[in-house]
Amino acid sequence: MTPSLAWLSALIAGFFSVHVLQKLCFPYFWRDLMFLLRVMRYGLDLELFKLRSRVHTVLDRFIQQAQRVPDKPFVIYEGSVHTYRDIERRSNRLAHVFLEDVKLRKGECIALLMSNEPDFLCVWFGLAKVGCSVAFLNINIKSKSLLHCVNCCGAKTLIVGADLVESMNGILSSLQEEHIQVWAMKSHTEHTHVHTLLDKVEAASEQPVPASLRATTSLKAPTLYIFTSGTTGLPKAAVITHLQSLKGAAGFWAFGATEDDVIYIPLPLYHSAASLIGIGGTIELGRPLHLLFKYDLIKYDMVNDEPVKDQHGFCQTVKKGETGLLLSKVSALSPFFGYAGSKQLTERKLMRNVFAKGDAYFNTGDLMAEDQEGFISFRDRVGDTFRWKGENVATTEVTETLGLVEFIQEVNVYGVEIKGHEGRAGMAAMIIRPGFSFDGSKLFEHVMRDLPAYARPLFIRLQEEMEMTSTFKQHKFQLVQSGFNPSCISDLLFVLDHQQQSYIPLTDCIYHSILAGERKL
């Protein structure tokens, strides 16, 4: 064999070896590289915004798409197609109503309580067109929690969907006392303190309002407030800036989706995954990443409910396949903009001196695991929250609500696993006040009135005394582990029963019907 042929053979063998090695050790190399290049390109666009006098927002992108592809379907809802032009014109009408009738002004925060429907988007975009930030309220929250959410983001105007007006009855007087005006997506209403929007929309102009109203010069200006579970009580309003909304909108595009794809959104639009990624991502298409966004999974002690530290007081990362607490590094590249209201709410979500003195990480509260291929998946929530029916349940909020029942002296709320169901179902261990007895009907009435469906305890466990930790916190770990099997628990157990409108004794028969999926939860 001549030297040139030998060299060529060696070169081919080398390329083949590298190819095989890449397939075996780095099977997603090219896919990850393409994703990285897309993200870097998008990041460059965001950096260029800083050099301009005006930020190109997600709303600007929508308006641009409405001009470019006006007849393209934007939303398909219950079989009806709404084009970009349809949503653009209706949001223009609403923008005029917000300016001329509601008297909104640029810079105000408006609370929005609406179910998933096309008008959710029209109201959202209409408010953004007049320069208002929008607070997305969870439609399941009630009374005290709802009033808290409106107040904590500084909103003086609340817009309510037609199907949710009746749920406002309990707090309308409180809203009026705090000078918060309520506008409903209805043509008429019997409520004297509720104003109507639909009758005014029909007469409003379809022409755009001045672009100067929606203009912003800062990527860090707030555009949305999205509520998270309050691990120390009531829900908290997370500040969503234009920077975060633009990052969310790039998600589908970065992963290779195209304008021919249809995005199905089963989540409620008040969730960031539905609104920022789902709607924002759809708009962007109209035309984990670890390398850029630093995250770590650290060891977590579930019994003592705290991170595991080494001899130097620093956290420790878990091995591949092990479950750990997900932390996201806070930096100039991935900032944390915090929550509306008290700075203490923001500071409590940050962990400092995690791996080195002076560092800062955002504590997600999620327990995750990373497999051998680098994919991470959700395992559980830590501390005073658990997830049920796609929502995070704040145990402290449920505890406070149950504590208002006259026969309850002490209560400990936690989540238990049910085979075949995602997340954990709510359960409350409680001590009955001396001289009183457990009243399942009264408790049922209380939780139905004051708690959202996902936060209502499905199971009750009556105890003589509560176990406490060395730091006088209620023990949850053992309760979580013991579950709700009446054959294994000596305490009296009850289950929520909608048919009897009460909490009834949890029998072996009912327990097995739950495990078999025969009983609706």
Foldseek 3Di string as FASTA:
>chain_A
DDPVVVVVVVVVVVVVVVVVCCCVQPVCVVLVVLLVVLVVVLVVVVVVLLVDQWDCFLLNLLVVLCVVCVACFQDQDPNDTAGSVNLLLLLQLLLQCCCPPVVDAAPAEEEEQEWDDSVVSSPLSSCLLQHYAYEYDDNQAADPLVVVSCPLQPHQEYEHEPVRPVRCVNCLVVSVVVNRQYEYCDLDDPDPRYHYDVVSSVVGGSDHDDNVSNIDSDQADFRYWAWACDLQAHIFTFTQGSVNLSVLLCVCVSSPDALPDDADAPDTCSDCNCPSNVSSVNSVRSVVPCVQWPKFFWDADQQVQGADADPVRATHGDDAFDKGFIKTWDDPSHHGPATGDDVVRRVVQWDACHPHHPTIIGGPQFIWHAHPNGDIDTDFGTHQWKDFPRGIARQNHVQVQLCVDPQFDGKGKDFADAPPGPITAIEIETETDPPDDDWFLVSLVSCVSRHGPRHDHFKYWYDNDFDADPVRHTGDPVVRVQGQQCVRDPTWMWGQDPVVNTTHTDDNVNSVCRNVVNDDD
